[in-house]
Amino acid sequence: MAVPRELQSAIAPPAYPLSVGLALAALLALFLGRPWLAGLAFGLALANLAFFRNPRRVIPPGKHRVVSAGDGRVVEVAVLEKPDDFVGPARRIAVFLSVFNVHINRVPFSGKVRAVRRRGGRFLAAFRSGASERNVQVRLDIEGLDGVRVGVVQIAGLIARRIVCYSSVGGTLERGEPYGLICYGSRMEVYVPIESEICVGPGDRVRGGETVIAEVRS
């Protein structure tokens, strides 16, 4: 799958409606003689643009490497004997994205999309473990080289209420390329086969598309 048009620019298009509205509000506040209010609105407009930034990333070589799906802090590395929706025992690597992180989501592993599943109905704080099972989320099941299965999950948070996923069943994804985003504060999870070598731990800072979080075995 080619990188979606919406994710090819330096700032993702969903940023513009709110930022333009805030900029107009700033101009109106200046016209009404409220410079402090104008400054606040203009600052929020810039912050919103920054939130949707889409920086270029250098994807590390190595076809067996799995990269982080998002920017943020690793909050969990867990072993799951019977993970929902994925084949066989797996390791789950969870990353919390604060409002200050880049929220463009990237493909962790090259392969074909075998399933896209939407589930959940809650909006718990994304750093809580309960968010993994209960929050609104979109899960991709990717089958890569030698039949290796890797899963990636976009999870909404307390503030984040909108998940955008441009991938569909049957599509082919390349490791490190953008495939979606979550609007404001969220959680990303990557599932890898249990025999994979994990390269990060809780507390580590990672960058989507660049940081190697695991290496799978053929």
N, C-alpha and C. Protein backbone atom coordinates (compact mmCIF):
# COMPACT_ATOMS: atom_id res chain seq x y z
N MET A 1 0.84 -1.19 0.00
CA MET A 1 0.00 0.00 0.00
C MET A 1 0.87 1.24 0.00
N ALA A 2 0.58 2.16 -0.90
CA ALA A 2 1.29 3.43 -0.90
C ALA A 2 0.88 4.24 0.33
N VAL A 3 1.76 5.14 0.75
CA VAL A 3 1.43 5.99 1.90
C VAL A 3 0.18 6.80 1.56
N PRO A 4 -0.85 6.78 2.41
CA PRO A 4 -2.08 7.55 2.13
C PRO A 4 -1.77 9.02 1.87
N ARG A 5 -2.50 9.60 0.95
CA ARG A 5 -2.28 11.01 0.60
C ARG A 5 -2.37 11.90 1.83
N GLU A 6 -3.28 11.57 2.75
CA GLU A 6 -3.49 12.38 3.95
C GLU A 6 -2.28 12.37 4.89
N LEU A 7 -1.37 11.39 4.70
CA LEU A 7 -0.22 11.26 5.58
C LEU A 7 1.10 11.54 4.86
N GLN A 8 1.03 12.23 3.73
CA GLN A 8 2.24 12.53 2.97
C GLN A 8 2.79 13.92 3.26
N SER A 9 2.00 14.79 3.87
CA SER A 9 2.43 16.15 4.13
C SER A 9 3.09 16.26 5.50
N ALA A 10 3.77 17.38 5.74
CA ALA A 10 4.48 17.59 7.01
C ALA A 10 3.53 17.73 8.18
N ILE A 11 2.29 18.16 7.90
CA ILE A 11 1.24 18.25 8.93
C ILE A 11 0.00 17.55 8.39
N ALA A 12 -0.56 16.63 9.16
CA ALA A 12 -1.72 15.88 8.71
C ALA A 12 -2.93 16.81 8.58
N PRO A 13 -3.72 16.68 7.51
CA PRO A 13 -4.86 17.55 7.25
C PRO A 13 -5.88 17.69 8.38
N PRO A 14 -6.13 16.67 9.23
CA PRO A 14 -7.10 16.88 10.31
C PRO A 14 -6.76 18.04 11.24
N ALA A 15 -5.52 18.54 11.17
CA ALA A 15 -5.13 19.66 12.04
C ALA A 15 -5.77 20.98 11.61
N TYR A 16 -6.07 21.12 10.33
CA TYR A 16 -6.40 22.45 9.81
C TYR A 16 -7.75 23.02 10.26
N PRO A 17 -8.84 22.26 10.30
CA PRO A 17 -10.11 22.88 10.71
C PRO A 17 -10.05 23.58 12.06
N LEU A 18 -9.52 22.90 13.08
CA LEU A 18 -9.46 23.51 14.41
C LEU A 18 -8.45 24.66 14.44
N SER A 19 -7.30 24.47 13.81
CA SER A 19 -6.28 25.52 13.84
C SER A 19 -6.76 26.78 13.12
N VAL A 20 -7.44 26.62 12.00
CA VAL A 20 -7.97 27.78 11.28
C VAL A 20 -9.03 28.47 12.12
N GLY A 21 -9.89 27.68 12.77
CA GLY A 21 -10.91 28.26 13.63
C GLY A 21 -10.31 29.06 14.78
N LEU A 22 -9.26 28.52 15.38
CA LEU A 22 -8.60 29.22 16.48
C LEU A 22 -7.91 30.48 15.99
N ALA A 23 -7.31 30.43 14.79
CA ALA A 23 -6.66 31.62 14.24
C ALA A 23 -7.69 32.72 13.96
N LEU A 24 -8.86 32.36 13.46
CA LEU A 24 -9.91 33.35 13.23
C LEU A 24 -10.40 33.93 14.55
N ALA A 25 -10.49 33.08 15.56
CA ALA A 25 -10.88 33.57 16.88
C ALA A 25 -9.86 34.56 17.43
N ALA A 26 -8.57 34.31 17.14
CA ALA A 26 -7.52 35.23 17.58
C ALA A 26 -7.67 36.59 16.91
N LEU A 27 -7.98 36.57 15.61
CA LEU A 27 -8.17 37.83 14.90
C LEU A 27 -9.38 38.59 15.44
N LEU A 28 -10.44 37.87 15.75
CA LEU A 28 -11.63 38.50 16.30
C LEU A 28 -11.33 39.11 17.68
N ALA A 29 -10.56 38.40 18.48
CA ALA A 29 -10.20 38.91 19.81
C ALA A 29 -9.36 40.18 19.70
N LEU A 30 -8.45 40.24 18.72
CA LEU A 30 -7.67 41.46 18.51
C LEU A 30 -8.58 42.62 18.11
N PHE A 31 -9.53 42.33 17.23
CA PHE A 31 -10.46 43.36 16.78
C PHE A 31 -11.29 43.91 17.94
N LEU A 32 -11.59 43.05 18.91
CA LEU A 32 -12.39 43.45 20.06
C LEU A 32 -11.54 44.01 21.20
N GLY A 33 -10.23 44.12 20.97
CA GLY A 33 -9.36 44.69 21.99
C GLY A 33 -9.03 43.75 23.12
N ARG A 34 -8.91 42.46 22.83
CA ARG A 34 -8.58 41.46 23.85
C ARG A 34 -7.29 40.75 23.43
N PRO A 35 -6.14 41.42 23.54
CA PRO A 35 -4.88 40.83 23.06
C PRO A 35 -4.49 39.55 23.80
N TRP A 36 -4.79 39.47 25.10
CA TRP A 36 -4.43 38.26 25.86
C TRP A 36 -5.21 37.05 25.35
N LEU A 37 -6.49 37.27 25.00
CA LEU A 37 -7.31 36.19 24.47
C LEU A 37 -6.84 35.80 23.06
N ALA A 38 -6.44 36.82 22.29
CA ALA A 38 -5.91 36.55 20.96
C ALA A 38 -4.63 35.71 21.03
N GLY A 39 -3.77 36.05 21.98
CA GLY A 39 -2.53 35.30 22.15
C GLY A 39 -2.79 33.86 22.54
N LEU A 40 -3.79 33.66 23.42
CA LEU A 40 -4.13 32.30 23.85
C LEU A 40 -4.65 31.48 22.66
N ALA A 41 -5.57 32.07 21.89
CA ALA A 41 -6.15 31.35 20.76
C ALA A 41 -5.09 31.03 19.70
N PHE A 42 -4.20 31.98 19.45
CA PHE A 42 -3.15 31.76 18.46
C PHE A 42 -2.17 30.68 18.94
N GLY A 43 -1.86 30.70 20.23
CA GLY A 43 -0.97 29.68 20.78
C GLY A 43 -1.57 28.29 20.68
N LEU A 44 -2.88 28.18 20.93
CA LEU A 44 -3.55 26.89 20.80
C LEU A 44 -3.58 26.41 19.35
N ALA A 45 -3.72 27.36 18.42
CA ALA A 45 -3.70 27.00 17.00
C ALA A 45 -2.35 26.39 16.62
N LEU A 46 -1.26 27.01 17.09
CA LEU A 46 0.07 26.50 16.79
C LEU A 46 0.29 25.14 17.47
N ALA A 47 -0.20 24.99 18.70
CA ALA A 47 -0.05 23.72 19.42
C ALA A 47 -0.80 22.60 18.69
N ASN A 48 -1.95 22.93 18.14
CA ASN A 48 -2.72 21.93 17.41
C ASN A 48 -1.99 21.50 16.14
N LEU A 49 -1.38 22.45 15.44
CA LEU A 49 -0.59 22.11 14.26
C LEU A 49 0.59 21.22 14.63
N ALA A 50 1.23 21.53 15.75
CA ALA A 50 2.37 20.75 16.20
C ALA A 50 1.95 19.32 16.55
N PHE A 51 0.75 19.18 17.10
CA PHE A 51 0.28 17.86 17.48
C PHE A 51 0.16 16.94 16.26
N PHE A 52 -0.24 17.48 15.13
CA PHE A 52 -0.44 16.69 13.92
C PHE A 52 0.79 16.67 13.01
N ARG A 53 1.96 17.02 13.52
CA ARG A 53 3.17 17.03 12.72
C ARG A 53 3.51 15.60 12.26
N ASN A 54 4.12 15.53 11.11
CA ASN A 54 4.44 14.23 10.52
C ASN A 54 5.90 14.23 10.08
N PRO A 55 6.83 14.11 11.02
CA PRO A 55 8.26 14.20 10.68
C PRO A 55 8.74 12.99 9.88
N ARG A 56 9.77 13.20 9.08
CA ARG A 56 10.38 12.10 8.34
C ARG A 56 11.14 11.20 9.30
N ARG A 57 11.15 9.92 9.02
CA ARG A 57 11.83 8.96 9.88
C ARG A 57 12.78 8.10 9.07
N VAL A 58 13.89 7.72 9.67
CA VAL A 58 14.87 6.83 9.03
C VAL A 58 14.57 5.41 9.50
N ILE A 59 14.10 4.58 8.59
CA ILE A 59 13.70 3.22 8.94
C ILE A 59 14.93 2.32 8.98
N PRO A 60 15.20 1.64 10.09
CA PRO A 60 16.39 0.80 10.19
C PRO A 60 16.29 -0.43 9.29
N PRO A 61 17.42 -0.89 8.74
CA PRO A 61 17.40 -2.08 7.89
C PRO A 61 17.19 -3.35 8.71
N GLY A 62 16.88 -4.44 8.02
CA GLY A 62 16.70 -5.72 8.70
C GLY A 62 15.28 -6.21 8.61
N LYS A 63 15.02 -7.20 7.74
CA LYS A 63 13.65 -7.62 7.48
C LYS A 63 12.99 -8.33 8.67
N HIS A 64 13.78 -8.77 9.64
CA HIS A 64 13.20 -9.43 10.82
C HIS A 64 12.95 -8.46 11.97
N ARG A 65 13.29 -7.22 11.78
CA ARG A 65 13.11 -6.24 12.84
C ARG A 65 11.69 -5.68 12.88
N VAL A 66 11.21 -5.45 14.08
CA VAL A 66 9.90 -4.83 14.30
C VAL A 66 10.13 -3.45 14.91
N VAL A 67 9.56 -2.42 14.31
CA VAL A 67 9.76 -1.06 14.82
C VAL A 67 8.53 -0.60 15.60
N SER A 68 8.74 0.41 16.41
CA SER A 68 7.64 0.95 17.19
C SER A 68 6.59 1.56 16.26
N ALA A 69 5.33 1.39 16.63
CA ALA A 69 4.23 1.93 15.84
C ALA A 69 3.92 3.39 16.18
N GLY A 70 4.53 3.89 17.26
CA GLY A 70 4.26 5.27 17.65
C GLY A 70 5.36 5.84 18.52
N ASP A 71 5.33 7.16 18.70
CA ASP A 71 6.27 7.86 19.58
C ASP A 71 5.73 7.84 21.00
N GLY A 72 6.62 7.73 21.97
CA GLY A 72 6.17 7.81 23.35
C GLY A 72 7.02 7.00 24.30
N ARG A 73 6.39 6.52 25.36
CA ARG A 73 7.09 5.79 26.43
C ARG A 73 6.51 4.39 26.55
N VAL A 74 7.40 3.40 26.61
CA VAL A 74 6.96 2.01 26.79
C VAL A 74 6.38 1.86 28.20
N VAL A 75 5.15 1.40 28.29
CA VAL A 75 4.50 1.25 29.60
C VAL A 75 4.28 -0.21 29.96
N GLU A 76 4.48 -1.12 29.00
CA GLU A 76 4.25 -2.53 29.30
C GLU A 76 4.94 -3.42 28.28
N VAL A 77 5.56 -4.49 28.79
CA VAL A 77 6.03 -5.60 27.96
C VAL A 77 5.52 -6.86 28.64
N ALA A 78 4.55 -7.52 28.02
CA ALA A 78 3.86 -8.63 28.69
C ALA A 78 3.83 -9.87 27.82
N VAL A 79 3.75 -11.03 28.47
CA VAL A 79 3.58 -12.31 27.78
C VAL A 79 2.12 -12.71 27.90
N LEU A 80 1.49 -13.03 26.78
CA LEU A 80 0.09 -13.42 26.75
C LEU A 80 -0.03 -14.80 26.13
N GLU A 81 -0.57 -15.73 26.90
CA GLU A 81 -0.71 -17.10 26.40
C GLU A 81 -1.83 -17.23 25.38
N LYS A 82 -2.91 -16.45 25.57
CA LYS A 82 -4.04 -16.51 24.64
C LYS A 82 -4.50 -15.10 24.31
N PRO A 83 -3.72 -14.37 23.52
CA PRO A 83 -4.10 -13.01 23.16
C PRO A 83 -5.32 -13.00 22.25
N ASP A 84 -6.22 -12.06 22.48
CA ASP A 84 -7.41 -11.95 21.64
C ASP A 84 -7.03 -11.63 20.20
N ASP A 85 -7.65 -12.32 19.27
CA ASP A 85 -7.58 -12.01 17.83
C ASP A 85 -6.25 -12.35 17.17
N PHE A 86 -5.26 -12.83 17.90
CA PHE A 86 -3.99 -13.16 17.29
C PHE A 86 -3.68 -14.64 17.49
N VAL A 87 -2.86 -15.18 16.57
CA VAL A 87 -2.59 -16.61 16.57
C VAL A 87 -1.47 -16.95 17.54
N GLY A 88 -1.75 -17.88 18.49
CA GLY A 88 -0.72 -18.39 19.37
C GLY A 88 -0.28 -17.43 20.45
N PRO A 89 0.54 -17.90 21.40
CA PRO A 89 1.08 -17.04 22.46
C PRO A 89 1.86 -15.88 21.86
N ALA A 90 1.86 -14.75 22.55
CA ALA A 90 2.51 -13.56 21.99
C ALA A 90 3.08 -12.70 23.11
N ARG A 91 3.93 -11.79 22.71
CA ARG A 91 4.41 -10.74 23.61
C ARG A 91 3.78 -9.42 23.17
N ARG A 92 3.32 -8.66 24.13
CA ARG A 92 2.68 -7.37 23.85
C ARG A 92 3.58 -6.24 24.33
N ILE A 93 3.86 -5.31 23.45
CA ILE A 93 4.65 -4.12 23.79
C ILE A 93 3.73 -2.92 23.64
N ALA A 94 3.49 -2.22 24.76
CA ALA A 94 2.55 -1.10 24.76
C ALA A 94 3.30 0.21 24.95
N VAL A 95 2.90 1.21 24.17
CA VAL A 95 3.53 2.54 24.20
C VAL A 95 2.45 3.58 24.47
N PHE A 96 2.69 4.44 25.45
CA PHE A 96 1.76 5.53 25.76
C PHE A 96 2.21 6.79 25.04
N LEU A 97 1.29 7.42 24.31
CA LEU A 97 1.56 8.65 23.57
C LEU A 97 0.90 9.81 24.31
N SER A 98 1.68 10.73 24.82
CA SER A 98 1.11 11.91 25.47
C SER A 98 0.73 12.94 24.41
N VAL A 99 0.09 14.01 24.84
CA VAL A 99 -0.32 15.05 23.89
C VAL A 99 0.88 15.76 23.27
N PHE A 100 2.07 15.56 23.82
CA PHE A 100 3.27 16.21 23.28
C PHE A 100 3.98 15.35 22.24
N ASN A 101 3.57 14.10 22.09
CA ASN A 101 4.22 13.20 21.14
C ASN A 101 3.61 13.32 19.75
N VAL A 102 4.37 12.85 18.75
CA VAL A 102 3.84 12.71 17.39
C VAL A 102 2.76 11.63 17.43
N HIS A 103 1.63 11.89 16.78
CA HIS A 103 0.53 10.93 16.82
C HIS A 103 0.24 10.26 15.48
N ILE A 104 1.15 10.41 14.51
CA ILE A 104 1.06 9.64 13.28
C ILE A 104 1.51 8.21 13.62
N ASN A 105 0.72 7.22 13.26
CA ASN A 105 1.03 5.82 13.57
C ASN A 105 1.69 5.14 12.37
N ARG A 106 2.68 4.29 12.66
CA ARG A 106 3.48 3.67 11.60
C ARG A 106 3.44 2.15 11.66
N VAL A 107 3.61 1.54 10.51
CA VAL A 107 3.55 0.08 10.37
C VAL A 107 4.77 -0.55 11.06
N PRO A 108 4.57 -1.49 11.99
CA PRO A 108 5.72 -2.08 12.70
C PRO A 108 6.46 -3.15 11.92
N PHE A 109 5.78 -3.78 10.93
CA PHE A 109 6.37 -4.94 10.27
C PHE A 109 5.75 -5.08 8.88
N SER A 110 6.58 -5.36 7.88
CA SER A 110 6.08 -5.48 6.51
C SER A 110 5.25 -6.74 6.33
N GLY A 111 4.18 -6.62 5.55
CA GLY A 111 3.35 -7.79 5.29
C GLY A 111 2.00 -7.43 4.75
N LYS A 112 1.14 -8.43 4.67
CA LYS A 112 -0.22 -8.25 4.16
C LYS A 112 -1.21 -8.21 5.32
N VAL A 113 -2.19 -7.31 5.23
CA VAL A 113 -3.20 -7.18 6.27
C VAL A 113 -4.21 -8.32 6.14
N ARG A 114 -4.26 -9.19 7.15
CA ARG A 114 -5.16 -10.33 7.14
C ARG A 114 -6.50 -10.01 7.81
N ALA A 115 -6.51 -9.04 8.70
CA ALA A 115 -7.76 -8.70 9.39
C ALA A 115 -7.68 -7.29 9.94
N VAL A 116 -8.82 -6.61 9.96
CA VAL A 116 -8.97 -5.31 10.61
C VAL A 116 -10.16 -5.42 11.55
N ARG A 117 -9.95 -5.19 12.83
CA ARG A 117 -11.02 -5.38 13.81
C ARG A 117 -11.20 -4.11 14.65
N ARG A 118 -12.44 -3.72 14.82
CA ARG A 118 -12.76 -2.59 15.69
C ARG A 118 -13.53 -3.11 16.88
N ARG A 119 -13.15 -2.64 18.08
CA ARG A 119 -13.80 -3.14 19.29
C ARG A 119 -13.66 -2.12 20.40
N GLY A 120 -14.28 -2.42 21.54
CA GLY A 120 -14.19 -1.57 22.72
C GLY A 120 -15.16 -0.42 22.69
N GLY A 121 -15.43 0.15 23.89
CA GLY A 121 -16.36 1.26 23.97
C GLY A 121 -16.02 2.29 25.03
N ARG A 122 -14.91 2.08 25.75
CA ARG A 122 -14.54 2.97 26.84
C ARG A 122 -13.43 3.93 26.41
N PHE A 123 -13.21 4.94 27.27
CA PHE A 123 -12.14 5.92 27.03
C PHE A 123 -11.36 6.13 28.32
N LEU A 124 -10.78 5.03 28.83
CA LEU A 124 -9.95 5.12 30.03
C LEU A 124 -8.62 5.80 29.69
N ALA A 125 -7.93 6.28 30.72
CA ALA A 125 -6.60 6.85 30.50
C ALA A 125 -5.73 5.81 29.81
N ALA A 126 -5.07 6.20 28.72
CA ALA A 126 -4.38 5.24 27.85
C ALA A 126 -3.19 4.56 28.52
N PHE A 127 -2.63 5.14 29.58
CA PHE A 127 -1.49 4.51 30.24
C PHE A 127 -1.92 3.39 31.19
N ARG A 128 -3.22 3.25 31.45
CA ARG A 128 -3.72 2.19 32.31
C ARG A 128 -3.83 0.88 31.55
N SER A 129 -3.52 -0.24 32.22
CA SER A 129 -3.55 -1.54 31.55
C SER A 129 -4.95 -1.90 31.08
N GLY A 130 -5.98 -1.44 31.79
CA GLY A 130 -7.35 -1.75 31.40
C GLY A 130 -7.74 -1.18 30.06
N ALA A 131 -7.02 -0.16 29.60
CA ALA A 131 -7.33 0.45 28.30
C ALA A 131 -7.12 -0.56 27.17
N SER A 132 -6.22 -1.51 27.37
CA SER A 132 -5.89 -2.48 26.33
C SER A 132 -7.10 -3.32 25.95
N GLU A 133 -7.95 -3.64 26.89
CA GLU A 133 -9.08 -4.51 26.62
C GLU A 133 -10.39 -3.76 26.46
N ARG A 134 -10.52 -2.58 27.08
CA ARG A 134 -11.83 -1.95 27.17
C ARG A 134 -12.01 -0.71 26.31
N ASN A 135 -10.92 -0.06 25.94
CA ASN A 135 -11.05 1.19 25.18
C ASN A 135 -11.38 0.95 23.70
N VAL A 136 -11.91 1.98 23.07
CA VAL A 136 -12.13 1.96 21.63
C VAL A 136 -10.80 1.73 20.94
N GLN A 137 -10.76 0.81 19.97
CA GLN A 137 -9.49 0.47 19.33
C GLN A 137 -9.69 -0.13 17.94
N VAL A 138 -8.61 -0.06 17.16
CA VAL A 138 -8.57 -0.68 15.84
C VAL A 138 -7.34 -1.57 15.79
N ARG A 139 -7.54 -2.84 15.46
CA ARG A 139 -6.47 -3.83 15.48
C ARG A 139 -6.22 -4.35 14.07
N LEU A 140 -4.95 -4.35 13.65
CA LEU A 140 -4.55 -4.93 12.37
C LEU A 140 -3.77 -6.21 12.63
N ASP A 141 -4.08 -7.26 11.86
CA ASP A 141 -3.33 -8.51 11.91
C ASP A 141 -2.52 -8.59 10.62
N ILE A 142 -1.18 -8.53 10.74
CA ILE A 142 -0.29 -8.49 9.58
C ILE A 142 0.46 -9.82 9.46
N GLU A 143 0.47 -10.39 8.26
CA GLU A 143 1.24 -11.61 8.01
C GLU A 143 2.43 -11.25 7.13
N GLY A 144 3.63 -11.46 7.68
CA GLY A 144 4.83 -11.09 6.98
C GLY A 144 5.58 -12.27 6.42
N LEU A 145 6.90 -12.10 6.29
CA LEU A 145 7.73 -13.14 5.69
C LEU A 145 7.66 -14.43 6.49
N ASP A 146 7.68 -15.55 5.77
CA ASP A 146 7.66 -16.88 6.38
C ASP A 146 6.43 -17.11 7.24
N GLY A 147 5.37 -16.36 6.98
CA GLY A 147 4.14 -16.56 7.73
C GLY A 147 4.13 -15.96 9.12
N VAL A 148 5.15 -15.16 9.47
CA VAL A 148 5.20 -14.53 10.79
C VAL A 148 4.02 -13.56 10.95
N ARG A 149 3.33 -13.66 12.07
CA ARG A 149 2.18 -12.80 12.33
C ARG A 149 2.54 -11.74 13.37
N VAL A 150 2.24 -10.50 13.04
CA VAL A 150 2.47 -9.37 13.94
C VAL A 150 1.18 -8.56 14.00
N GLY A 151 0.78 -8.15 15.19
CA GLY A 151 -0.42 -7.33 15.34
C GLY A 151 -0.07 -5.93 15.80
N VAL A 152 -0.87 -4.96 15.38
CA VAL A 152 -0.69 -3.58 15.84
C VAL A 152 -2.06 -3.01 16.16
N VAL A 153 -2.14 -2.30 17.29
CA VAL A 153 -3.42 -1.81 17.78
C VAL A 153 -3.35 -0.32 18.09
N GLN A 154 -4.28 0.43 17.53
CA GLN A 154 -4.47 1.84 17.88
C GLN A 154 -5.55 1.90 18.96
N ILE A 155 -5.25 2.54 20.09
CA ILE A 155 -6.19 2.58 21.21
C ILE A 155 -6.47 4.02 21.61
N ALA A 156 -7.74 4.38 21.66
CA ALA A 156 -8.14 5.71 22.09
C ALA A 156 -7.86 5.89 23.58
N GLY A 157 -7.73 7.14 24.02
CA GLY A 157 -7.45 7.42 25.42
C GLY A 157 -8.51 8.28 26.07
N LEU A 158 -8.16 8.87 27.18
CA LEU A 158 -9.09 9.72 27.94
C LEU A 158 -9.46 10.96 27.14
N ILE A 159 -8.49 11.54 26.45
CA ILE A 159 -8.73 12.73 25.63
C ILE A 159 -8.94 12.34 24.18
N ALA A 160 -8.15 11.36 23.71
CA ALA A 160 -8.27 10.92 22.31
C ALA A 160 -9.60 10.21 22.11
N ARG A 161 -10.38 10.66 21.15
CA ARG A 161 -11.67 10.04 20.88
C ARG A 161 -11.82 9.62 19.43
N ARG A 162 -10.85 9.91 18.59
CA ARG A 162 -10.97 9.62 17.16
C ARG A 162 -9.77 8.86 16.65
N ILE A 163 -10.02 7.66 16.12
CA ILE A 163 -8.97 6.84 15.53
C ILE A 163 -9.15 6.85 14.02
N VAL A 164 -8.05 7.11 13.30
CA VAL A 164 -8.07 7.10 11.84
C VAL A 164 -7.14 5.99 11.37
N CYS A 165 -7.67 5.03 10.60
CA CYS A 165 -6.87 3.93 10.06
C CYS A 165 -7.14 3.84 8.56
N TYR A 166 -6.08 3.96 7.75
CA TYR A 166 -6.23 3.95 6.31
C TYR A 166 -5.97 2.57 5.70
N SER A 167 -5.73 1.56 6.53
CA SER A 167 -5.44 0.22 6.02
C SER A 167 -6.72 -0.61 5.90
N SER A 168 -6.70 -1.57 4.99
CA SER A 168 -7.85 -2.45 4.81
C SER A 168 -7.37 -3.87 4.55
N VAL A 169 -8.26 -4.84 4.70
CA VAL A 169 -7.91 -6.24 4.51
C VAL A 169 -7.40 -6.46 3.09
N GLY A 170 -6.29 -7.19 2.98
CA GLY A 170 -5.70 -7.48 1.68
C GLY A 170 -4.62 -6.52 1.26
N GLY A 171 -4.52 -5.38 1.95
CA GLY A 171 -3.51 -4.40 1.62
C GLY A 171 -2.12 -4.85 2.05
N THR A 172 -1.12 -4.40 1.32
CA THR A 172 0.27 -4.70 1.66
C THR A 172 0.92 -3.48 2.29
N LEU A 173 1.53 -3.67 3.45
CA LEU A 173 2.13 -2.58 4.20
C LEU A 173 3.65 -2.74 4.27
N GLU A 174 4.33 -1.61 4.27
CA GLU A 174 5.79 -1.61 4.39
C GLU A 174 6.18 -1.07 5.76
N ARG A 175 7.13 -1.73 6.38
CA ARG A 175 7.59 -1.36 7.72
C ARG A 175 8.02 0.10 7.77
N GLY A 176 7.50 0.82 8.77
CA GLY A 176 7.87 2.20 9.00
C GLY A 176 7.00 3.22 8.31
N GLU A 177 6.17 2.83 7.35
CA GLU A 177 5.35 3.81 6.64
C GLU A 177 4.14 4.21 7.48
N PRO A 178 3.67 5.47 7.37
CA PRO A 178 2.49 5.91 8.12
C PRO A 178 1.24 5.19 7.62
N TYR A 179 0.35 4.83 8.54
CA TYR A 179 -0.90 4.19 8.12
C TYR A 179 -2.13 4.75 8.82
N GLY A 180 -1.94 5.64 9.81
CA GLY A 180 -3.09 6.19 10.51
C GLY A 180 -2.66 7.16 11.58
N LEU A 181 -3.63 7.60 12.38
CA LEU A 181 -3.34 8.52 13.49
C LEU A 181 -4.45 8.45 14.52
N ILE A 182 -4.14 8.92 15.71
CA ILE A 182 -5.11 9.03 16.78
C ILE A 182 -5.09 10.48 17.26
N CYS A 183 -6.25 11.09 17.34
CA CYS A 183 -6.33 12.51 17.68
C CYS A 183 -6.28 12.73 19.19
N TYR A 184 -5.12 13.16 19.68
CA TYR A 184 -4.86 13.59 21.06
C TYR A 184 -4.71 12.42 22.04
N GLY A 185 -3.49 12.26 22.60
CA GLY A 185 -3.20 11.33 23.67
C GLY A 185 -3.75 9.92 23.47
N SER A 186 -2.92 8.88 23.45
CA SER A 186 -3.43 7.56 23.11
C SER A 186 -2.42 6.48 23.49
N ARG A 187 -2.66 5.27 22.94
CA ARG A 187 -1.83 4.11 23.24
C ARG A 187 -1.67 3.27 21.98
N MET A 188 -0.47 2.79 21.73
CA MET A 188 -0.21 1.87 20.64
C MET A 188 0.33 0.57 21.21
N GLU A 189 -0.13 -0.54 20.65
CA GLU A 189 0.37 -1.84 21.08
C GLU A 189 0.82 -2.65 19.87
N VAL A 190 1.91 -3.38 20.05
CA VAL A 190 2.39 -4.29 19.02
C VAL A 190 2.49 -5.68 19.62
N TYR A 191 1.94 -6.67 18.91
CA TYR A 191 1.99 -8.07 19.33
C TYR A 191 2.97 -8.81 18.41
N VAL A 192 3.90 -9.54 19.01
CA VAL A 192 4.87 -10.33 18.24
C VAL A 192 4.87 -11.76 18.78
N PRO A 193 5.31 -12.74 17.96
CA PRO A 193 5.38 -14.12 18.45
C PRO A 193 6.19 -14.22 19.73
N ILE A 194 5.81 -15.15 20.59
CA ILE A 194 6.40 -15.23 21.93
C ILE A 194 7.89 -15.50 21.90
N GLU A 195 8.39 -16.16 20.83
CA GLU A 195 9.82 -16.47 20.77
C GLU A 195 10.65 -15.29 20.27
N SER A 196 10.03 -14.17 19.98
CA SER A 196 10.75 -12.99 19.49
C SER A 196 11.68 -12.43 20.56
N GLU A 197 12.75 -11.79 20.11
CA GLU A 197 13.67 -11.10 21.02
C GLU A 197 13.18 -9.67 21.24
N ILE A 198 12.91 -9.32 22.48
CA ILE A 198 12.40 -7.98 22.80
C ILE A 198 13.58 -7.04 23.03
N CYS A 199 13.54 -5.85 22.43
CA CYS A 199 14.67 -4.93 22.46
C CYS A 199 14.42 -3.69 23.33
N VAL A 200 13.26 -3.58 23.96
CA VAL A 200 12.94 -2.43 24.80
C VAL A 200 12.32 -2.91 26.12
N GLY A 201 12.22 -1.99 27.06
CA GLY A 201 11.61 -2.32 28.34
C GLY A 201 10.78 -1.15 28.85
N PRO A 202 9.98 -1.37 29.89
CA PRO A 202 9.16 -0.29 30.45
C PRO A 202 10.00 0.92 30.82
N GLY A 203 9.51 2.10 30.45
CA GLY A 203 10.22 3.34 30.72
C GLY A 203 11.04 3.84 29.55
N ASP A 204 11.34 2.98 28.59
CA ASP A 204 12.13 3.40 27.42
C ASP A 204 11.32 4.35 26.54
N ARG A 205 12.01 5.32 25.95
CA ARG A 205 11.39 6.22 24.98
C ARG A 205 11.61 5.68 23.58
N VAL A 206 10.57 5.69 22.77
CA VAL A 206 10.67 5.14 21.42
C VAL A 206 10.14 6.14 20.40
N ARG A 207 10.57 5.95 19.14
CA ARG A 207 10.13 6.78 18.03
C ARG A 207 9.50 5.89 16.96
N GLY A 208 8.31 6.27 16.53
CA GLY A 208 7.60 5.47 15.54
C GLY A 208 8.38 5.35 14.24
N GLY A 209 8.49 4.13 13.73
CA GLY A 209 9.18 3.88 12.47
C GLY A 209 10.68 3.80 12.58
N GLU A 210 11.26 4.18 13.72
CA GLU A 210 12.73 4.20 13.87
C GLU A 210 13.24 3.25 14.95
N THR A 211 12.61 3.24 16.10
CA THR A 211 13.11 2.44 17.21
C THR A 211 12.77 0.96 17.02
N VAL A 212 13.77 0.10 17.05
CA VAL A 212 13.56 -1.35 16.95
C VAL A 212 13.08 -1.84 18.32
N ILE A 213 11.89 -2.43 18.36
CA ILE A 213 11.36 -2.91 19.63
C ILE A 213 11.44 -4.43 19.77
N ALA A 214 11.62 -5.13 18.65
CA ALA A 214 11.72 -6.59 18.71
C ALA A 214 12.33 -7.12 17.42
N GLU A 215 12.82 -8.36 17.51
CA GLU A 215 13.27 -9.08 16.32
C GLU A 215 12.58 -10.43 16.30
N VAL A 216 11.91 -10.72 15.20
CA VAL A 216 11.18 -11.99 15.09
C VAL A 216 12.09 -13.06 14.51
N ARG A 217 11.72 -14.30 14.74
CA ARG A 217 12.49 -15.43 14.21
C ARG A 217 11.71 -16.04 13.04
N SER A 218 12.42 -16.51 12.04
CA SER A 218 11.78 -17.13 10.87
C SER A 218 11.07 -18.40 11.29
